[in-house]
């Protein structure tokens, strides 16, 4: 399909936060971007030409899966075949902002 498509999931991932389980669900949904949660652990990474995001916890709430959660949130800007993600996190009382760009591959756009 043209453009980037994204999906959110989290409850159905067992165990929570498992990268292989998230990738399996992403493949079943046939999406370019998979947004998952439930772990309160901030993650944003590209794997095998797809993009995965876990926005973490905006309050840094406790999670049994993350001993020291960092308050974080994301903003996403999707334009056609391009995704720009701004990751905001609070570390040592300092707000840190990272910009991550993901582009859907040309080969996939032509399918």
C-alpha atoms as a PDB file:
ATOM      1  CA  UNK A   1       0.000   0.000   0.000  1.00  0.00           C
ATOM      2  CA  UNK A   2       1.096   3.583  -0.448  1.00  0.00           C
ATOM      3  CA  UNK A   3       2.030   5.681   2.552  1.00  0.00           C
ATOM      4  CA  UNK A   4       2.870   4.514   6.046  1.00  0.00           C
ATOM      5  CA  UNK A   5       0.366   2.516   8.047  1.00  0.00           C
ATOM      6  CA  UNK A   6       0.600   2.099  11.810  1.00  0.00           C
ATOM      7  CA  UNK A   7      -1.098   0.028  14.477  1.00  0.00           C
ATOM      8  CA  UNK A   8      -1.195   0.123  18.262  1.00  0.00           C
ATOM      9  CA  UNK A   9      -1.143  -3.020  20.368  1.00  0.00           C
ATOM     10  CA  UNK A  10       0.055  -4.075  23.766  1.00  0.00           C
ATOM     11  CA  UNK A  11      -2.405  -6.233  25.675  1.00  0.00           C
ATOM     12  CA  UNK A  12      -2.122  -9.084  23.172  1.00  0.00           C
ATOM     13  CA  UNK A  13       1.697  -9.229  23.349  1.00  0.00           C
ATOM     14  CA  UNK A  14       2.784 -12.112  25.585  1.00  0.00           C
ATOM     15  CA  UNK A  15       5.105 -11.713  27.321  1.00  0.00           C
ATOM     16  CA  UNK A  16       4.683  -7.933  27.463  1.00  0.00           C
ATOM     17  CA  UNK A  17       7.407  -6.090  25.583  1.00  0.00           C
ATOM     18  CA  UNK A  18       8.792  -9.208  23.873  1.00  0.00           C
ATOM     19  CA  UNK A  19      10.341  -7.975  20.606  1.00  0.00           C
ATOM     20  CA  UNK A  20       9.731 -11.251  18.735  1.00  0.00           C
ATOM     21  CA  UNK A  21       6.065 -11.359  19.806  1.00  0.00           C
ATOM     22  CA  UNK A  22       5.606  -7.707  18.783  1.00  0.00           C
ATOM     23  CA  UNK A  23       7.216  -8.418  15.393  1.00  0.00           C
ATOM     24  CA  UNK A  24       4.887 -11.398  14.874  1.00  0.00           C
ATOM     25  CA  UNK A  25       1.825  -9.247  15.547  1.00  0.00           C
ATOM     26  CA  UNK A  26       3.197  -6.525  13.273  1.00  0.00           C
ATOM     27  CA  UNK A  27       3.576  -9.062  10.454  1.00  0.00           C
ATOM     28  CA  UNK A  28       0.022 -10.380  11.014  1.00  0.00           C
ATOM     29  CA  UNK A  29      -1.327  -6.819  10.819  1.00  0.00           C
ATOM     30  CA  UNK A  30       0.930  -6.034   7.824  1.00  0.00           C
ATOM     31  CA  UNK A  31       1.853  -2.552   9.063  1.00  0.00           C
ATOM     32  CA  UNK A  32       4.986  -0.446   8.678  1.00  0.00           C
ATOM     33  CA  UNK A  33       4.942   0.970  12.217  1.00  0.00           C
ATOM     34  CA  UNK A  34       4.012  -0.973  15.347  1.00  0.00           C
ATOM     35  CA  UNK A  35       3.282   0.978  18.506  1.00  0.00           C
ATOM     36  CA  UNK A  36       3.114  -1.120  21.650  1.00  0.00           C
ATOM     37  CA  UNK A  37       3.015  -0.448  25.323  1.00  0.00           C
ATOM     38  CA  UNK A  38       2.294  -1.857  28.763  1.00  0.00           C
ATOM     39  CA  UNK A  39       5.928  -2.066  29.849  1.00  0.00           C
ATOM     40  CA  UNK A  40       6.427   1.645  30.697  1.00  0.00           C
ATOM     41  CA  UNK A  41       9.805   1.294  28.956  1.00  0.00           C
ATOM     42  CA  UNK A  42      10.589   3.837  26.228  1.00  0.00           C
ATOM     43  CA  UNK A  43      11.830   2.203  23.024  1.00  0.00           C
ATOM     44  CA  UNK A  44      12.026   3.339  19.400  1.00  0.00           C
ATOM     45  CA  UNK A  45      13.906   1.209  16.894  1.00  0.00           C
ATOM     46  CA  UNK A  46      13.975   0.043  13.294  1.00  0.00           C
ATOM     47  CA  UNK A  47      14.201  -3.663  12.536  1.00  0.00           C
ATOM     48  CA  UNK A  48      14.017  -5.380   9.144  1.00  0.00           C
ATOM     49  CA  UNK A  49      12.738  -2.235   7.439  1.00  0.00           C
ATOM     50  CA  UNK A  50       9.899  -1.657   9.932  1.00  0.00           C
ATOM     51  CA  UNK A  51       9.650   0.763  12.858  1.00  0.00           C
ATOM     52  CA  UNK A  52       8.696  -0.121  16.437  1.00  0.00           C
ATOM     53  CA  UNK A  53       7.745   2.322  19.180  1.00  0.00           C
ATOM     54  CA  UNK A  54       6.915   1.952  22.851  1.00  0.00           C
ATOM     55  CA  UNK A  55       6.183   5.442  24.185  1.00  0.00           C
ATOM     56  CA  UNK A  56       6.992   4.486  27.765  1.00  0.00           C
ATOM     57  CA  UNK A  57       5.136   6.240  30.600  1.00  0.00           C
ATOM     58  CA  UNK A  58       4.540   9.966  30.640  1.00  0.00           C
ATOM     59  CA  UNK A  59       4.629   9.931  34.453  1.00  0.00           C
ATOM     60  CA  UNK A  60       7.424   7.382  34.879  1.00  0.00           C
ATOM     61  CA  UNK A  61       4.939   5.102  36.643  1.00  0.00           C
ATOM     62  CA  UNK A  62       6.157   1.886  38.238  1.00  0.00           C
ATOM     63  CA  UNK A  63       6.068  -1.279  36.176  1.00  0.00           C
ATOM     64  CA  UNK A  64       7.087  -4.764  37.261  1.00  0.00           C
ATOM     65  CA  UNK A  65       8.957  -4.989  33.941  1.00  0.00           C
ATOM     66  CA  UNK A  66      10.980  -1.783  34.310  1.00  0.00           C
ATOM     67  CA  UNK A  67      12.821  -1.127  37.586  1.00  0.00           C
ATOM     68  CA  UNK A  68      13.603   2.528  36.911  1.00  0.00           C
ATOM     69  CA  UNK A  69      11.053   3.937  34.433  1.00  0.00           C
ATOM     70  CA  UNK A  70      11.903   7.263  32.824  1.00  0.00           C
ATOM     71  CA  UNK A  71       9.045   9.750  32.260  1.00  0.00           C
ATOM     72  CA  UNK A  72       8.648   9.939  28.468  1.00  0.00           C
ATOM     73  CA  UNK A  73       6.284  10.576  25.593  1.00  0.00           C
ATOM     74  CA  UNK A  74       6.435  10.765  21.807  1.00  0.00           C
ATOM     75  CA  UNK A  75       5.050  12.959  19.051  1.00  0.00           C
ATOM     76  CA  UNK A  76       4.741  11.477  15.581  1.00  0.00           C
ATOM     77  CA  UNK A  77       4.486  13.287  12.258  1.00  0.00           C
ATOM     78  CA  UNK A  78       3.451  10.998   9.385  1.00  0.00           C
ATOM     79  CA  UNK A  79       3.723  12.420   5.878  1.00  0.00           C
ATOM     80  CA  UNK A  80       3.118   9.962   3.000  1.00  0.00           C
ATOM     81  CA  UNK A  81       6.108   7.553   3.185  1.00  0.00           C
ATOM     82  CA  UNK A  82       7.970   9.335   5.980  1.00  0.00           C
ATOM     83  CA  UNK A  83       7.592   9.246   9.752  1.00  0.00           C
ATOM     84  CA  UNK A  84       9.379  11.649  12.075  1.00  0.00           C
ATOM     85  CA  UNK A  85       9.194  10.716  15.746  1.00  0.00           C
ATOM     86  CA  UNK A  86      10.162  13.146  18.492  1.00  0.00           C
ATOM     87  CA  UNK A  87      11.000  11.299  21.694  1.00  0.00           C
ATOM     88  CA  UNK A  88      10.819  13.366  24.889  1.00  0.00           C
ATOM     89  CA  UNK A  89      12.303  11.922  28.078  1.00  0.00           C
ATOM     90  CA  UNK A  90      13.152  13.304  31.489  1.00  0.00           C
ATOM     91  CA  UNK A  91      16.565  12.145  32.647  1.00  0.00           C
ATOM     92  CA  UNK A  92      18.319  13.586  35.705  1.00  0.00           C
ATOM     93  CA  UNK A  93      15.815  16.471  35.863  1.00  0.00           C
ATOM     94  CA  UNK A  94      16.654  17.412  32.236  1.00  0.00           C
ATOM     95  CA  UNK A  95      14.242  17.164  29.303  1.00  0.00           C
ATOM     96  CA  UNK A  96      15.920  15.361  26.438  1.00  0.00           C
ATOM     97  CA  UNK A  97      14.492  15.379  22.904  1.00  0.00           C
ATOM     98  CA  UNK A  98      15.559  12.978  20.171  1.00  0.00           C
ATOM     99  CA  UNK A  99      14.409  13.066  16.570  1.00  0.00           C
ATOM    100  CA  UNK A 100      14.121   9.721  14.781  1.00  0.00           C
ATOM    101  CA  UNK A 101      13.246   9.468  11.099  1.00  0.00           C
ATOM    102  CA  UNK A 102      11.815   6.394   9.371  1.00  0.00           C
ATOM    103  CA  UNK A 103      11.153   6.147   5.642  1.00  0.00           C
ATOM    104  CA  UNK A 104       9.206   3.369   3.993  1.00  0.00           C
ATOM    105  CA  UNK A 105      11.473   1.643   1.460  1.00  0.00           C
ATOM    106  CA  UNK A 106      11.046   2.348  -2.245  1.00  0.00           C
ATOM    107  CA  UNK A 107      10.647  -1.371  -3.023  1.00  0.00           C
ATOM    108  CA  UNK A 108       7.673  -1.651  -0.674  1.00  0.00           C
ATOM    109  CA  UNK A 109       6.017   1.439  -2.129  1.00  0.00           C
ATOM    110  CA  UNK A 110       6.086  -0.123  -5.600  1.00  0.00           C
ATOM    111  CA  UNK A 111       4.394  -3.406  -4.527  1.00  0.00           C
END
